[in-house]
Amino acid sequence: MAGVRILPKRRRLTLRQREEIEFYIAISPWLIGLLLFTGGPLIASLVMSFTNWTGLTTREWIGLQNYQKLFFGDRLFWVVLKNTFYYGFASVCLGTIGALLAAILMNQKVPGIEVFRTLYYLPSVTSGVAIAILWVWLFNPQVGLVNYLLSLVGIKGPQWLGSQRWAMPALILMSLWGIGGNMIILLAGLQGIPEYLYEAVRIDGGNKWHEFIHVTLPMLSPVLFYVIVISIIQSFQIFTNVYVMTRGGPGTATLVYVMYLYQNAFEYLKMGYASAMAWILFVIILGLTWLQFKASKYWVYYEFEER
């Protein structure tokens, strides 16, 4: 009919589009929080790393001087890097092996195994400060339980946290206390391995060792890879245990990266310098993670991956 304008029909959203919109609406509080409380401070710390700022005075732009001082003028920077790599390598190796052995033990079908799984896992969710204080007592050279147990077999225990030689090994030994978290992850991986693979090994005349080498490790390799990556990231950020137990001492024996970063930021009031340290740590962890992903193709097996 003349003079009547026909409006175009509005396109209706598909079910997939509506679900996507609802999804982004649902996570919008988290996204806003991420941008404001994580993204914002990240950018601020990057800018701060190029300044000389105490947190109280006006920021002074100094360019790359903080980074130059770290690499070429700060002897302690290389000491804390060495200590952190030492702690990280030893704690991750021992912790991963310990978690794997514990997971294999907890995977046995015996009465009451659920109780043991709970007992192994509980230390990993206990307050870090409480655990550190407990281990200070355990490592006490006069009345500590560790030296008492050693004395029962005729061994005179060392000074542990009071010795430059034994303080770092003590922290590494203490890190084994928290293998319960990784144990649960590896236990879940073990329980996902098909039983028929073990049966095939036994039919071919293999023993338990063959089952472990040719079935358990390959099938568990993706989970092991995840555990190793996360453990390395966590080991390079160790702080609570060192702060409570040794404060980086004796001397610089346990002065690890984040502890030194904390000292620069909140004891020496070198906020710009500490921000530069934080970004260097980010680059180190990022590089180590990248190297692990590159190396994973040589040892990580994915069941449905084409070779």
C-alpha atoms as a PDB file:
ATOM      1  CA  MET A   1       0.000   0.000   0.000  1.00  0.00           C
ATOM      2  CA  ALA A   2       1.402   3.397  -1.008  1.00  0.00           C
ATOM      3  CA  GLY A   3       2.915   5.511   1.725  1.00  0.00           C
ATOM      4  CA  VAL A   4       3.384   2.636   4.131  1.00  0.00           C
ATOM      5  CA  ARG A   5       7.027   2.075   5.190  1.00  0.00           C
ATOM      6  CA  ILE A   6       7.989  -1.515   5.823  1.00  0.00           C
ATOM      7  CA  LEU A   7      10.628  -1.819   8.537  1.00  0.00           C
ATOM      8  CA  PRO A   8      13.297  -4.507   8.076  1.00  0.00           C
ATOM      9  CA  LYS A   9      12.871  -7.530  10.304  1.00  0.00           C
ATOM     10  CA  ARG A  10      15.305  -7.436  13.225  1.00  0.00           C
ATOM     11  CA  ARG A  11      17.748 -10.334  13.149  1.00  0.00           C
ATOM     12  CA  ARG A  12      17.373 -12.544  16.203  1.00  0.00           C
ATOM     13  CA  LEU A  13      20.437 -13.725  18.079  1.00  0.00           C
ATOM     14  CA  THR A  14      21.307 -17.366  17.819  1.00  0.00           C
ATOM     15  CA  LEU A  15      21.550 -19.537  20.921  1.00  0.00           C
ATOM     16  CA  ARG A  16      25.363 -19.550  20.669  1.00  0.00           C
ATOM     17  CA  GLN A  17      25.499 -15.730  20.491  1.00  0.00           C
ATOM     18  CA  ARG A  18      23.159 -15.359  23.485  1.00  0.00           C
ATOM     19  CA  GLU A  19      25.295 -17.775  25.485  1.00  0.00           C
ATOM     20  CA  GLU A  20      28.445 -15.821  24.605  1.00  0.00           C
ATOM     21  CA  ILE A  21      26.862 -12.547  25.708  1.00  0.00           C
ATOM     22  CA  GLU A  22      25.662 -14.099  28.959  1.00  0.00           C
ATOM     23  CA  PHE A  23      29.119 -15.561  29.533  1.00  0.00           C
ATOM     24  CA  TYR A  24      30.874 -12.197  29.200  1.00  0.00           C
ATOM     25  CA  ILE A  25      28.265 -10.517  31.391  1.00  0.00           C
ATOM     26  CA  ALA A  26      28.818 -13.196  34.050  1.00  0.00           C
ATOM     27  CA  ILE A  27      32.621 -12.815  34.075  1.00  0.00           C
ATOM     28  CA  SER A  28      32.615  -9.022  33.680  1.00  0.00           C
ATOM     29  CA  PRO A  29      33.250  -8.412  37.430  1.00  0.00           C
ATOM     30  CA  TRP A  30      36.312 -10.659  37.225  1.00  0.00           C
ATOM     31  CA  LEU A  31      37.504  -8.985  34.009  1.00  0.00           C
ATOM     32  CA  ILE A  32      37.121  -5.525  35.527  1.00  0.00           C
ATOM     33  CA  GLY A  33      38.959  -6.666  38.663  1.00  0.00           C
ATOM     34  CA  LEU A  34      41.738  -8.177  36.543  1.00  0.00           C
ATOM     35  CA  LEU A  35      42.229  -4.951  34.591  1.00  0.00           C
ATOM     36  CA  LEU A  36      42.074  -2.682  37.641  1.00  0.00           C
ATOM     37  CA  PHE A  37      43.879  -4.707  40.304  1.00  0.00           C
ATOM     38  CA  THR A  38      46.304  -6.781  38.209  1.00  0.00           C
ATOM     39  CA  GLY A  39      46.788  -5.085  34.860  1.00  0.00           C
ATOM     40  CA  GLY A  40      46.990  -1.606  36.393  1.00  0.00           C
ATOM     41  CA  PRO A  41      49.661  -2.437  38.984  1.00  0.00           C
ATOM     42  CA  LEU A  42      51.641  -4.361  36.332  1.00  0.00           C
ATOM     43  CA  ILE A  43      51.845  -1.313  34.083  1.00  0.00           C
ATOM     44  CA  ALA A  44      52.558   0.947  37.067  1.00  0.00           C
ATOM     45  CA  SER A  45      55.446  -1.280  38.214  1.00  0.00           C
ATOM     46  CA  LEU A  46      56.923  -1.283  34.708  1.00  0.00           C
ATOM     47  CA  VAL A  47      56.879   2.501  34.610  1.00  0.00           C
ATOM     48  CA  MET A  48      58.210   2.629  38.171  1.00  0.00           C
ATOM     49  CA  SER A  49      61.188   0.438  37.221  1.00  0.00           C
ATOM     50  CA  PHE A  50      62.546   3.345  35.159  1.00  0.00           C
ATOM     51  CA  THR A  51      62.408   5.768  38.076  1.00  0.00           C
ATOM     52  CA  ASN A  52      64.176   6.510  41.318  1.00  0.00           C
ATOM     53  CA  TRP A  53      61.361   6.492  43.878  1.00  0.00           C
ATOM     54  CA  THR A  54      61.273   5.768  47.592  1.00  0.00           C
ATOM     55  CA  GLY A  55      57.489   5.605  47.862  1.00  0.00           C
ATOM     56  CA  LEU A  56      57.488   8.919  49.721  1.00  0.00           C
ATOM     57  CA  THR A  57      59.324  11.326  47.429  1.00  0.00           C
ATOM     58  CA  THR A  58      58.612  12.537  43.913  1.00  0.00           C
ATOM     59  CA  ARG A  59      59.430  10.074  41.140  1.00  0.00           C
ATOM     60  CA  GLU A  60      62.658  10.844  39.257  1.00  0.00           C
ATOM     61  CA  TRP A  61      62.943   9.383  35.747  1.00  0.00           C
ATOM     62  CA  ILE A  62      66.329   7.646  35.371  1.00  0.00           C
ATOM     63  CA  GLY A  63      65.772   5.379  32.361  1.00  0.00           C
ATOM     64  CA  LEU A  64      67.643   2.074  32.418  1.00  0.00           C
ATOM     65  CA  GLN A  65      69.888   2.907  35.366  1.00  0.00           C
ATOM     66  CA  ASN A  66      68.126   0.471  37.725  1.00  0.00           C
ATOM     67  CA  TYR A  67      68.667  -2.385  35.278  1.00  0.00           C
ATOM     68  CA  GLN A  68      72.280  -1.368  34.649  1.00  0.00           C
ATOM     69  CA  LYS A  69      72.990  -1.284  38.378  1.00  0.00           C
ATOM     70  CA  LEU A  70      71.408  -4.715  38.873  1.00  0.00           C
ATOM     71  CA  PHE A  71      73.482  -6.401  36.188  1.00  0.00           C
ATOM     72  CA  PHE A  72      76.768  -4.506  36.535  1.00  0.00           C
ATOM     73  CA  GLY A  73      76.852  -2.826  39.947  1.00  0.00           C
ATOM     74  CA  ASP A  74      75.060  -5.052  42.445  1.00  0.00           C
ATOM     75  CA  ARG A  75      77.085  -8.049  43.632  1.00  0.00           C
ATOM     76  CA  LEU A  76      74.197  -9.322  45.764  1.00  0.00           C
ATOM     77  CA  PHE A  77      71.980  -9.617  42.678  1.00  0.00           C
ATOM     78  CA  TRP A  78      74.095 -12.478  41.352  1.00  0.00           C
ATOM     79  CA  VAL A  79      74.277 -14.068  44.804  1.00  0.00           C
ATOM     80  CA  VAL A  80      70.496 -14.160  45.134  1.00  0.00           C
ATOM     81  CA  LEU A  81      70.155 -15.486  41.586  1.00  0.00           C
ATOM     82  CA  LYS A  82      72.546 -18.332  42.404  1.00  0.00           C
ATOM     83  CA  ASN A  83      70.729 -19.097  45.662  1.00  0.00           C
ATOM     84  CA  THR A  84      67.340 -19.060  43.935  1.00  0.00           C
ATOM     85  CA  PHE A  85      68.453 -21.369  41.128  1.00  0.00           C
ATOM     86  CA  TYR A  86      70.032 -23.695  43.690  1.00  0.00           C
ATOM     87  CA  TYR A  87      66.868 -23.827  45.767  1.00  0.00           C
ATOM     88  CA  GLY A  88      64.630 -24.126  42.716  1.00  0.00           C
ATOM     89  CA  PHE A  89      66.552 -26.973  41.079  1.00  0.00           C
ATOM     90  CA  ALA A  90      66.941 -29.019  44.263  1.00  0.00           C
ATOM     91  CA  SER A  91      63.436 -28.482  45.645  1.00  0.00           C
ATOM     92  CA  VAL A  92      61.713 -29.178  42.322  1.00  0.00           C
ATOM     93  CA  CYS A  93      63.711 -32.356  41.655  1.00  0.00           C
ATOM     94  CA  LEU A  94      63.243 -33.775  45.151  1.00  0.00           C
ATOM     95  CA  GLY A  95      59.663 -32.544  45.451  1.00  0.00           C
ATOM     96  CA  THR A  96      58.566 -34.025  42.112  1.00  0.00           C
ATOM     97  CA  ILE A  97      60.187 -37.372  42.864  1.00  0.00           C
ATOM     98  CA  GLY A  98      58.693 -37.386  46.363  1.00  0.00           C
ATOM     99  CA  ALA A  99      55.223 -36.451  45.091  1.00  0.00           C
ATOM    100  CA  LEU A 100      55.381 -39.190  42.432  1.00  0.00           C
ATOM    101  CA  LEU A 101      56.429 -41.852  44.932  1.00  0.00           C
ATOM    102  CA  ALA A 102      53.731 -40.722  47.365  1.00  0.00           C
ATOM    103  CA  ALA A 103      51.113 -40.780  44.583  1.00  0.00           C
ATOM    104  CA  ILE A 104      52.103 -44.336  43.639  1.00  0.00           C
ATOM    105  CA  LEU A 105      51.784 -45.401  47.288  1.00  0.00           C
ATOM    106  CA  MET A 106      48.430 -43.638  47.643  1.00  0.00           C
ATOM    107  CA  ASN A 107      47.193 -45.371  44.488  1.00  0.00           C
ATOM    108  CA  GLN A 108      47.279 -48.792  46.113  1.00  0.00           C
ATOM    109  CA  LYS A 109      43.975 -50.519  46.831  1.00  0.00           C
ATOM    110  CA  VAL A 110      44.289 -51.102  50.569  1.00  0.00           C
ATOM    111  CA  PRO A 111      41.789 -50.508  53.397  1.00  0.00           C
ATOM    112  CA  GLY A 112      41.842 -46.977  54.822  1.00  0.00           C
ATOM    113  CA  ILE A 113      43.893 -45.480  51.971  1.00  0.00           C
ATOM    114  CA  GLU A 114      41.608 -42.396  51.965  1.00  0.00           C
ATOM    115  CA  VAL A 115      42.841 -41.519  55.460  1.00  0.00           C
ATOM    116  CA  PHE A 116      46.476 -41.610  54.351  1.00  0.00           C
ATOM    117  CA  ARG A 117      45.690 -39.483  51.298  1.00  0.00           C
ATOM    118  CA  THR A 118      44.129 -36.870  53.561  1.00  0.00           C
ATOM    119  CA  LEU A 119      47.097 -36.917  55.942  1.00  0.00           C
ATOM    120  CA  TYR A 120      49.549 -36.446  53.072  1.00  0.00           C
ATOM    121  CA  TYR A 121      47.526 -33.584  51.618  1.00  0.00           C
ATOM    122  CA  LEU A 122      46.800 -31.611  54.806  1.00  0.00           C
ATOM    123  CA  PRO A 123      50.276 -29.987  55.177  1.00  0.00           C
ATOM    124  CA  SER A 124      49.934 -28.362  51.753  1.00  0.00           C
ATOM    125  CA  VAL A 125      46.889 -26.335  52.887  1.00  0.00           C
ATOM    126  CA  THR A 126      48.262 -25.325  56.297  1.00  0.00           C
ATOM    127  CA  SER A 127      49.293 -21.709  56.915  1.00  0.00           C
ATOM    128  CA  GLY A 128      52.799 -21.037  55.597  1.00  0.00           C
ATOM    129  CA  VAL A 129      53.803 -18.969  58.640  1.00  0.00           C
ATOM    130  CA  ALA A 130      52.643 -21.693  61.065  1.00  0.00           C
ATOM    131  CA  ILE A 131      54.599 -24.333  59.159  1.00  0.00           C
ATOM    132  CA  ALA A 132      57.719 -22.139  59.092  1.00  0.00           C
ATOM    133  CA  ILE A 133      57.563 -21.616  62.856  1.00  0.00           C
ATOM    134  CA  LEU A 134      57.120 -25.362  63.367  1.00  0.00           C
ATOM    135  CA  TRP A 135      60.208 -26.107  61.292  1.00  0.00           C
ATOM    136  CA  VAL A 136      62.254 -23.506  63.165  1.00  0.00           C
ATOM    137  CA  TRP A 137      61.657 -25.631  66.248  1.00  0.00           C
ATOM    138  CA  LEU A 138      62.333 -28.899  64.409  1.00  0.00           C
ATOM    139  CA  PHE A 139      65.689 -27.554  63.170  1.00  0.00           C
ATOM    140  CA  ASN A 140      66.709 -26.165  66.567  1.00  0.00           C
ATOM    141  CA  PRO A 141      70.235 -27.560  67.109  1.00  0.00           C
ATOM    142  CA  GLN A 142      69.743 -28.060  70.882  1.00  0.00           C
ATOM    143  CA  VAL A 143      66.138 -29.201  71.386  1.00  0.00           C
ATOM    144  CA  GLY A 144      64.924 -29.816  67.823  1.00  0.00           C
ATOM    145  CA  LEU A 145      63.401 -33.130  66.800  1.00  0.00           C
ATOM    146  CA  VAL A 146      65.604 -33.496  63.693  1.00  0.00           C
ATOM    147  CA  ASN A 147      68.880 -33.491  65.594  1.00  0.00           C
ATOM    148  CA  TYR A 148      67.357 -35.691  68.301  1.00  0.00           C
ATOM    149  CA  LEU A 149      66.453 -38.350  65.721  1.00  0.00           C
ATOM    150  CA  LEU A 150      69.941 -38.106  64.228  1.00  0.00           C
ATOM    151  CA  SER A 151      71.471 -38.572  67.690  1.00  0.00           C
ATOM    152  CA  LEU A 152      69.583 -41.851  68.064  1.00  0.00           C
ATOM    153  CA  VAL A 153      71.695 -43.300  65.229  1.00  0.00           C
ATOM    154  CA  GLY A 154      74.929 -41.755  66.457  1.00  0.00           C
ATOM    155  CA  ILE A 155      75.001 -38.698  64.177  1.00  0.00           C
ATOM    156  CA  LYS A 156      75.708 -35.240  65.587  1.00  0.00           C
ATOM    157  CA  GLY A 157      73.285 -32.887  63.854  1.00  0.00           C
ATOM    158  CA  PRO A 158      74.493 -29.601  62.339  1.00  0.00           C
ATOM    159  CA  GLN A 159      73.399 -26.098  63.288  1.00  0.00           C
ATOM    160  CA  TRP A 160      70.927 -26.145  60.368  1.00  0.00           C
ATOM    161  CA  LEU A 161      69.457 -22.628  60.106  1.00  0.00           C
ATOM    162  CA  GLY A 162      72.434 -21.160  61.954  1.00  0.00           C
ATOM    163  CA  SER A 163      74.976 -22.627  59.520  1.00  0.00           C
ATOM    164  CA  GLN A 164      75.869 -21.107  56.144  1.00  0.00           C
ATOM    165  CA  ARG A 165      76.481 -24.607  54.817  1.00  0.00           C
ATOM    166  CA  TRP A 166      73.263 -26.223  56.046  1.00  0.00           C
ATOM    167  CA  ALA A 167      70.684 -23.401  56.035  1.00  0.00           C
ATOM    168  CA  MET A 168      69.734 -23.786  52.364  1.00  0.00           C
ATOM    169  CA  PRO A 169      69.592 -27.625  52.516  1.00  0.00           C
ATOM    170  CA  ALA A 170      67.300 -27.187  55.538  1.00  0.00           C
ATOM    171  CA  LEU A 171      64.906 -25.037  53.482  1.00  0.00           C
ATOM    172  CA  ILE A 172      65.017 -27.566  50.648  1.00  0.00           C
ATOM    173  CA  LEU A 173      64.282 -30.393  53.084  1.00  0.00           C
ATOM    174  CA  MET A 174      61.401 -28.393  54.502  1.00  0.00           C
ATOM    175  CA  SER A 175      59.915 -27.912  51.009  1.00  0.00           C
ATOM    176  CA  LEU A 176      59.203 -31.658  50.891  1.00  0.00           C
ATOM    177  CA  TRP A 177      56.601 -31.067  53.607  1.00  0.00           C
ATOM    178  CA  GLY A 178      54.236 -29.608  51.004  1.00  0.00           C
ATOM    179  CA  ILE A 179      54.319 -32.316  48.327  1.00  0.00           C
ATOM    180  CA  GLY A 180      50.692 -33.221  49.080  1.00  0.00           C
ATOM    181  CA  GLY A 181      49.270 -30.827  46.490  1.00  0.00           C
ATOM    182  CA  ASN A 182      51.338 -32.272  43.652  1.00  0.00           C
ATOM    183  CA  MET A 183      50.687 -35.770  44.994  1.00  0.00           C
ATOM    184  CA  ILE A 184      46.930 -35.290  44.508  1.00  0.00           C
ATOM    185  CA  ILE A 185      47.446 -34.093  40.928  1.00  0.00           C
ATOM    186  CA  LEU A 186      49.713 -37.038  40.097  1.00  0.00           C
ATOM    187  CA  LEU A 187      47.334 -39.437  41.831  1.00  0.00           C
ATOM    188  CA  ALA A 188      44.517 -38.228  39.576  1.00  0.00           C
ATOM    189  CA  GLY A 189      46.791 -38.826  36.581  1.00  0.00           C
ATOM    190  CA  LEU A 190      47.654 -42.329  37.757  1.00  0.00           C
ATOM    191  CA  GLN A 191      44.006 -43.231  38.168  1.00  0.00           C
ATOM    192  CA  GLY A 192      43.347 -42.111  34.605  1.00  0.00           C
ATOM    193  CA  ILE A 193      45.782 -44.641  33.079  1.00  0.00           C
ATOM    194  CA  PRO A 194      43.837 -47.525  31.442  1.00  0.00           C
ATOM    195  CA  GLU A 195      44.335 -50.875  33.174  1.00  0.00           C
ATOM    196  CA  TYR A 196      44.544 -52.751  29.875  1.00  0.00           C
ATOM    197  CA  LEU A 197      47.942 -51.169  29.184  1.00  0.00           C
ATOM    198  CA  TYR A 198      49.372 -52.816  32.308  1.00  0.00           C
ATOM    199  CA  GLU A 199      47.724 -56.085  31.322  1.00  0.00           C
ATOM    200  CA  ALA A 200      49.441 -55.905  27.925  1.00  0.00           C
ATOM    201  CA  VAL A 201      52.829 -55.529  29.610  1.00  0.00           C
ATOM    202  CA  ARG A 202      52.154 -58.491  31.891  1.00  0.00           C
ATOM    203  CA  ILE A 203      51.041 -60.626  28.935  1.00  0.00           C
ATOM    204  CA  ASP A 204      54.355 -59.822  27.233  1.00  0.00           C
ATOM    205  CA  GLY A 205      56.217 -61.029  30.330  1.00  0.00           C
ATOM    206  CA  GLY A 206      57.002 -57.637  31.842  1.00  0.00           C
ATOM    207  CA  ASN A 207      57.364 -56.930  35.543  1.00  0.00           C
ATOM    208  CA  LYS A 208      56.461 -53.927  37.718  1.00  0.00           C
ATOM    209  CA  TRP A 209      59.539 -52.016  36.571  1.00  0.00           C
ATOM    210  CA  HIS A 210      58.574 -52.473  32.916  1.00  0.00           C
ATOM    211  CA  GLU A 211      55.056 -51.310  33.721  1.00  0.00           C
ATOM    212  CA  PHE A 212      56.454 -48.173  35.366  1.00  0.00           C
ATOM    213  CA  ILE A 213      58.915 -47.337  32.559  1.00  0.00           C
ATOM    214  CA  HIS A 214      56.776 -48.218  29.529  1.00  0.00           C
ATOM    215  CA  VAL A 215      53.278 -47.356  30.771  1.00  0.00           C
ATOM    216  CA  THR A 216      53.182 -45.206  33.908  1.00  0.00           C
ATOM    217  CA  LEU A 217      55.818 -42.608  32.971  1.00  0.00           C
ATOM    218  CA  PRO A 218      54.702 -42.070  29.335  1.00  0.00           C
ATOM    219  CA  MET A 219      51.019 -41.887  30.223  1.00  0.00           C
ATOM    220  CA  LEU A 220      51.740 -39.649  33.223  1.00  0.00           C
ATOM    221  CA  SER A 221      54.170 -37.358  31.364  1.00  0.00           C
ATOM    222  CA  PRO A 222      51.608 -34.558  30.644  1.00  0.00           C
ATOM    223  CA  VAL A 223      50.714 -34.398  34.342  1.00  0.00           C
ATOM    224  CA  LEU A 224      54.392 -34.500  35.328  1.00  0.00           C
ATOM    225  CA  PHE A 225      55.075 -31.684  32.874  1.00  0.00           C
ATOM    226  CA  TYR A 226      52.363 -29.551  34.474  1.00  0.00           C
ATOM    227  CA  VAL A 227      53.662 -30.290  37.982  1.00  0.00           C
ATOM    228  CA  ILE A 228      57.245 -29.398  37.031  1.00  0.00           C
ATOM    229  CA  VAL A 229      56.267 -26.128  35.336  1.00  0.00           C
ATOM    230  CA  ILE A 230      54.133 -24.985  38.275  1.00  0.00           C
ATOM    231  CA  SER A 231      56.727 -26.128  40.836  1.00  0.00           C
ATOM    232  CA  ILE A 232      59.523 -24.152  39.155  1.00  0.00           C
ATOM    233  CA  ILE A 233      57.383 -21.012  39.061  1.00  0.00           C
ATOM    234  CA  GLN A 234      56.545 -21.430  42.754  1.00  0.00           C
ATOM    235  CA  SER A 235      60.141 -22.200  43.772  1.00  0.00           C
ATOM    236  CA  PHE A 236      61.406 -18.953  42.225  1.00  0.00           C
ATOM    237  CA  GLN A 237      58.866 -17.023  44.291  1.00  0.00           C
ATOM    238  CA  ILE A 238      59.724 -18.528  47.684  1.00  0.00           C
ATOM    239  CA  PHE A 239      59.450 -15.876  50.376  1.00  0.00           C
ATOM    240  CA  THR A 240      57.445 -16.810  53.488  1.00  0.00           C
ATOM    241  CA  ASN A 241      59.737 -19.595  54.689  1.00  0.00           C
ATOM    242  CA  VAL A 242      62.873 -17.498  54.228  1.00  0.00           C
ATOM    243  CA  TYR A 243      61.350 -14.393  55.814  1.00  0.00           C
ATOM    244  CA  VAL A 244      60.124 -16.230  58.919  1.00  0.00           C
ATOM    245  CA  MET A 245      62.995 -18.677  59.392  1.00  0.00           C
ATOM    246  CA  THR A 246      66.246 -16.986  58.329  1.00  0.00           C
ATOM    247  CA  ARG A 247      65.632 -13.466  56.927  1.00  0.00           C
ATOM    248  CA  GLY A 248      68.135 -14.435  54.231  1.00  0.00           C
ATOM    249  CA  GLY A 249      70.859 -15.439  56.671  1.00  0.00           C
ATOM    250  CA  PRO A 250      73.166 -16.522  58.024  1.00  0.00           C
ATOM    251  CA  GLY A 251      75.094 -14.044  55.928  1.00  0.00           C
ATOM    252  CA  THR A 252      73.631 -14.389  52.450  1.00  0.00           C
ATOM    253  CA  ALA A 253      73.265 -18.186  52.541  1.00  0.00           C
ATOM    254  CA  THR A 254      69.483 -18.150  52.087  1.00  0.00           C
ATOM    255  CA  LEU A 255      69.007 -14.723  50.546  1.00  0.00           C
ATOM    256  CA  VAL A 256      66.714 -15.628  47.647  1.00  0.00           C
ATOM    257  CA  TYR A 257      65.364 -13.371  44.927  1.00  0.00           C
ATOM    258  CA  VAL A 258      61.987 -12.340  46.345  1.00  0.00           C
ATOM    259  CA  MET A 259      63.476 -11.801  49.805  1.00  0.00           C
ATOM    260  CA  TYR A 260      66.045  -9.399  48.338  1.00  0.00           C
ATOM    261  CA  LEU A 261      63.286  -7.719  46.316  1.00  0.00           C
ATOM    262  CA  TYR A 262      61.282  -7.241  49.517  1.00  0.00           C
ATOM    263  CA  GLN A 263      64.288  -5.767  51.313  1.00  0.00           C
ATOM    264  CA  ASN A 264      64.894  -3.245  48.544  1.00  0.00           C
ATOM    265  CA  ALA A 265      61.238  -2.229  48.380  1.00  0.00           C
ATOM    266  CA  PHE A 266      60.188  -2.049  52.036  1.00  0.00           C
ATOM    267  CA  GLU A 267      63.412  -1.879  54.075  1.00  0.00           C
ATOM    268  CA  TYR A 268      65.676   0.226  51.838  1.00  0.00           C
ATOM    269  CA  LEU A 269      62.692   2.071  50.217  1.00  0.00           C
ATOM    270  CA  LYS A 270      64.033   1.556  46.686  1.00  0.00           C
ATOM    271  CA  MET A 271      60.684   1.069  44.976  1.00  0.00           C
ATOM    272  CA  GLY A 272      61.992   1.690  41.464  1.00  0.00           C
ATOM    273  CA  TYR A 273      64.909  -0.680  41.993  1.00  0.00           C
ATOM    274  CA  ALA A 274      62.595  -3.377  43.395  1.00  0.00           C
ATOM    275  CA  SER A 275      60.219  -2.944  40.430  1.00  0.00           C
ATOM    276  CA  ALA A 276      63.123  -3.542  38.050  1.00  0.00           C
ATOM    277  CA  MET A 277      63.960  -6.709  39.984  1.00  0.00           C
ATOM    278  CA  ALA A 278      60.349  -7.855  39.708  1.00  0.00           C
ATOM    279  CA  TRP A 279      60.369  -7.495  35.929  1.00  0.00           C
ATOM    280  CA  ILE A 280      63.668  -9.323  35.625  1.00  0.00           C
ATOM    281  CA  LEU A 281      62.167 -12.161  37.677  1.00  0.00           C
ATOM    282  CA  PHE A 282      59.169 -12.172  35.334  1.00  0.00           C
ATOM    283  CA  VAL A 283      61.465 -12.499  32.324  1.00  0.00           C
ATOM    284  CA  ILE A 284      63.471 -15.300  33.986  1.00  0.00           C
ATOM    285  CA  ILE A 285      60.338 -17.305  34.837  1.00  0.00           C
ATOM    286  CA  LEU A 286      58.885 -16.662  31.386  1.00  0.00           C
ATOM    287  CA  GLY A 287      62.125 -17.853  29.763  1.00  0.00           C
ATOM    288  CA  LEU A 288      62.317 -20.994  31.885  1.00  0.00           C
ATOM    289  CA  THR A 289      58.675 -21.809  31.131  1.00  0.00           C
ATOM    290  CA  TRP A 290      59.247 -21.292  27.405  1.00  0.00           C
ATOM    291  CA  LEU A 291      62.281 -23.601  27.497  1.00  0.00           C
ATOM    292  CA  GLN A 292      60.231 -26.280  29.233  1.00  0.00           C
ATOM    293  CA  PHE A 293      57.499 -26.080  26.610  1.00  0.00           C
ATOM    294  CA  LYS A 294      60.102 -26.337  23.843  1.00  0.00           C
ATOM    295  CA  ALA A 295      61.732 -29.354  25.515  1.00  0.00           C
ATOM    296  CA  SER A 296      58.405 -31.041  26.259  1.00  0.00           C
ATOM    297  CA  LYS A 297      58.087 -32.376  22.709  1.00  0.00           C
ATOM    298  CA  TYR A 298      61.017 -34.714  23.424  1.00  0.00           C
ATOM    299  CA  TRP A 299      59.557 -36.399  26.490  1.00  0.00           C
ATOM    300  CA  VAL A 300      55.860 -35.538  26.980  1.00  0.00           C
ATOM    301  CA  TYR A 301      53.494 -38.064  25.393  1.00  0.00           C
ATOM    302  CA  TYR A 302      49.886 -37.195  24.568  1.00  0.00           C
ATOM    303  CA  GLU A 303      47.691 -40.213  23.939  1.00  0.00           C
ATOM    304  CA  PHE A 304      45.818 -38.790  20.949  1.00  0.00           C
ATOM    305  CA  GLU A 305      48.700 -36.828  19.450  1.00  0.00           C
ATOM    306  CA  GLU A 306      49.862 -37.822  15.958  1.00  0.00           C
ATOM    307  CA  ARG A 307      53.536 -38.698  15.854  1.00  0.00           C
END
